[in-house]
Amino acid sequence: MKEKISVSINNKIMKVFEYSSLEEIILSEEISHNQVATAVNNVFIPKSERTKLILKNGDSIIIFSPITGG
């Protein structure tokens, strides 16, 4: 059985299963993963890397809508 770890998602502490990827967390939060930008521990994570990034206890995740324009 998988253990749970604590992570912060947009400044809210949540328990998630250890070895969860960033992509799994985004999908579990029912967020449209195509329309958000993400950062873990203040480092931008491109969409192509979200399935590879395995979360660790204490990670700080920020999920936000990107702002475009010029």
C-alpha atoms as a PDB file:
ATOM      1  CA  MET A   1       0.000   0.000   0.000  1.00  0.00           C
ATOM      2  CA  LYS A   2       1.307   3.437  -0.926  1.00  0.00           C
ATOM      3  CA  GLU A   3       2.068   5.920   1.809  1.00  0.00           C
ATOM      4  CA  LYS A   4       0.880   9.507   1.649  1.00  0.00           C
ATOM      5  CA  ILE A   5       3.089  12.576   1.671  1.00  0.00           C
ATOM      6  CA  SER A   6       2.316  16.246   2.320  1.00  0.00           C
ATOM      7  CA  VAL A   7       2.657  18.788  -0.458  1.00  0.00           C
ATOM      8  CA  SER A   8       1.485  22.354  -0.812  1.00  0.00           C
ATOM      9  CA  ILE A   9      -0.756  23.078  -3.801  1.00  0.00           C
ATOM     10  CA  ASN A  10      -1.348  26.803  -4.275  1.00  0.00           C
ATOM     11  CA  ASN A  11      -0.536  27.343  -0.590  1.00  0.00           C
ATOM     12  CA  LYS A  12      -2.925  24.625   0.604  1.00  0.00           C
ATOM     13  CA  ILE A  13      -1.406  21.589   2.345  1.00  0.00           C
ATOM     14  CA  MET A  14      -2.676  18.348   0.847  1.00  0.00           C
ATOM     15  CA  LYS A  15      -1.906  14.664   1.276  1.00  0.00           C
ATOM     16  CA  VAL A  16      -1.069  12.771  -1.919  1.00  0.00           C
ATOM     17  CA  PHE A  17       0.263   9.300  -2.613  1.00  0.00           C
ATOM     18  CA  GLU A  18       4.035   9.058  -2.664  1.00  0.00           C
ATOM     19  CA  TYR A  19       5.526   8.603  -6.141  1.00  0.00           C
ATOM     20  CA  SER A  20       2.712  10.682  -7.672  1.00  0.00           C
ATOM     21  CA  SER A  21       3.695  12.684 -10.714  1.00  0.00           C
ATOM     22  CA  LEU A  22       2.849  16.333 -11.136  1.00  0.00           C
ATOM     23  CA  GLU A  23       0.545  15.366 -14.023  1.00  0.00           C
ATOM     24  CA  GLU A  24      -1.374  12.924 -11.790  1.00  0.00           C
ATOM     25  CA  ILE A  25      -1.952  15.668  -9.216  1.00  0.00           C
ATOM     26  CA  ILE A  26      -3.200  18.113 -11.851  1.00  0.00           C
ATOM     27  CA  LEU A  27      -5.633  15.517 -13.184  1.00  0.00           C
ATOM     28  CA  SER A  28      -6.791  14.525  -9.688  1.00  0.00           C
ATOM     29  CA  GLU A  29      -7.612  18.171  -8.967  1.00  0.00           C
ATOM     30  CA  GLU A  30      -9.775  18.138 -12.123  1.00  0.00           C
ATOM     31  CA  ILE A  31      -7.806  20.989 -13.657  1.00  0.00           C
ATOM     32  CA  SER A  32      -7.539  21.169 -17.432  1.00  0.00           C
ATOM     33  CA  HIS A  33      -3.845  20.323 -17.768  1.00  0.00           C
ATOM     34  CA  ASN A  34      -3.638  21.918 -21.218  1.00  0.00           C
ATOM     35  CA  GLN A  35      -4.579  25.370 -19.943  1.00  0.00           C
ATOM     36  CA  VAL A  36      -2.299  25.811 -16.935  1.00  0.00           C
ATOM     37  CA  ALA A  37       1.314  26.544 -16.147  1.00  0.00           C
ATOM     38  CA  THR A  38       3.055  24.828 -13.264  1.00  0.00           C
ATOM     39  CA  ALA A  39       5.982  25.363 -10.934  1.00  0.00           C
ATOM     40  CA  VAL A  40       7.406  23.112  -8.240  1.00  0.00           C
ATOM     41  CA  ASN A  41       9.568  24.694  -5.569  1.00  0.00           C
ATOM     42  CA  ASN A  42       9.595  27.928  -7.608  1.00  0.00           C
ATOM     43  CA  VAL A  43      10.933  26.198 -10.747  1.00  0.00           C
ATOM     44  CA  PHE A  44       8.784  26.295 -13.903  1.00  0.00           C
ATOM     45  CA  ILE A  45       7.850  22.785 -15.076  1.00  0.00           C
ATOM     46  CA  PRO A  46       7.001  22.512 -18.786  1.00  0.00           C
ATOM     47  CA  LYS A  47       3.974  20.444 -19.747  1.00  0.00           C
ATOM     48  CA  SER A  48       6.269  17.876 -21.386  1.00  0.00           C
ATOM     49  CA  GLU A  49       8.004  17.209 -18.036  1.00  0.00           C
ATOM     50  CA  ARG A  50       4.961  16.848 -15.763  1.00  0.00           C
ATOM     51  CA  THR A  51       4.666  13.062 -16.074  1.00  0.00           C
ATOM     52  CA  LYS A  52       8.380  12.661 -15.284  1.00  0.00           C
ATOM     53  CA  LEU A  53       8.419  14.865 -12.184  1.00  0.00           C
ATOM     54  CA  ILE A  54       7.758  12.705  -9.130  1.00  0.00           C
ATOM     55  CA  LEU A  55       6.691  14.711  -6.097  1.00  0.00           C
ATOM     56  CA  LYS A  56       8.493  14.525  -2.770  1.00  0.00           C
ATOM     57  CA  ASN A  57       7.294  15.248   0.749  1.00  0.00           C
ATOM     58  CA  GLY A  58       7.238  19.004   1.340  1.00  0.00           C
ATOM     59  CA  ASP A  59       7.180  20.052  -2.324  1.00  0.00           C
ATOM     60  CA  SER A  60       5.451  23.345  -3.069  1.00  0.00           C
ATOM     61  CA  ILE A  61       3.341  23.253  -6.239  1.00  0.00           C
ATOM     62  CA  ILE A  62       1.882  26.282  -7.957  1.00  0.00           C
ATOM     63  CA  ILE A  63      -0.739  25.792 -10.658  1.00  0.00           C
ATOM     64  CA  PHE A  64      -1.851  28.904 -12.492  1.00  0.00           C
ATOM     65  CA  SER A  65      -3.314  30.203 -15.733  1.00  0.00           C
ATOM     66  CA  PRO A  66      -0.598  31.655 -17.919  1.00  0.00           C
ATOM     67  CA  ILE A  67      -0.921  35.261 -19.006  1.00  0.00           C
ATOM     68  CA  THR A  68      -0.254  35.962 -22.646  1.00  0.00           C
ATOM     69  CA  GLY A  69      -0.095  39.125 -24.577  1.00  0.00           C
ATOM     70  CA  GLY A  70       2.327  41.700 -25.708  1.00  0.00           C
END
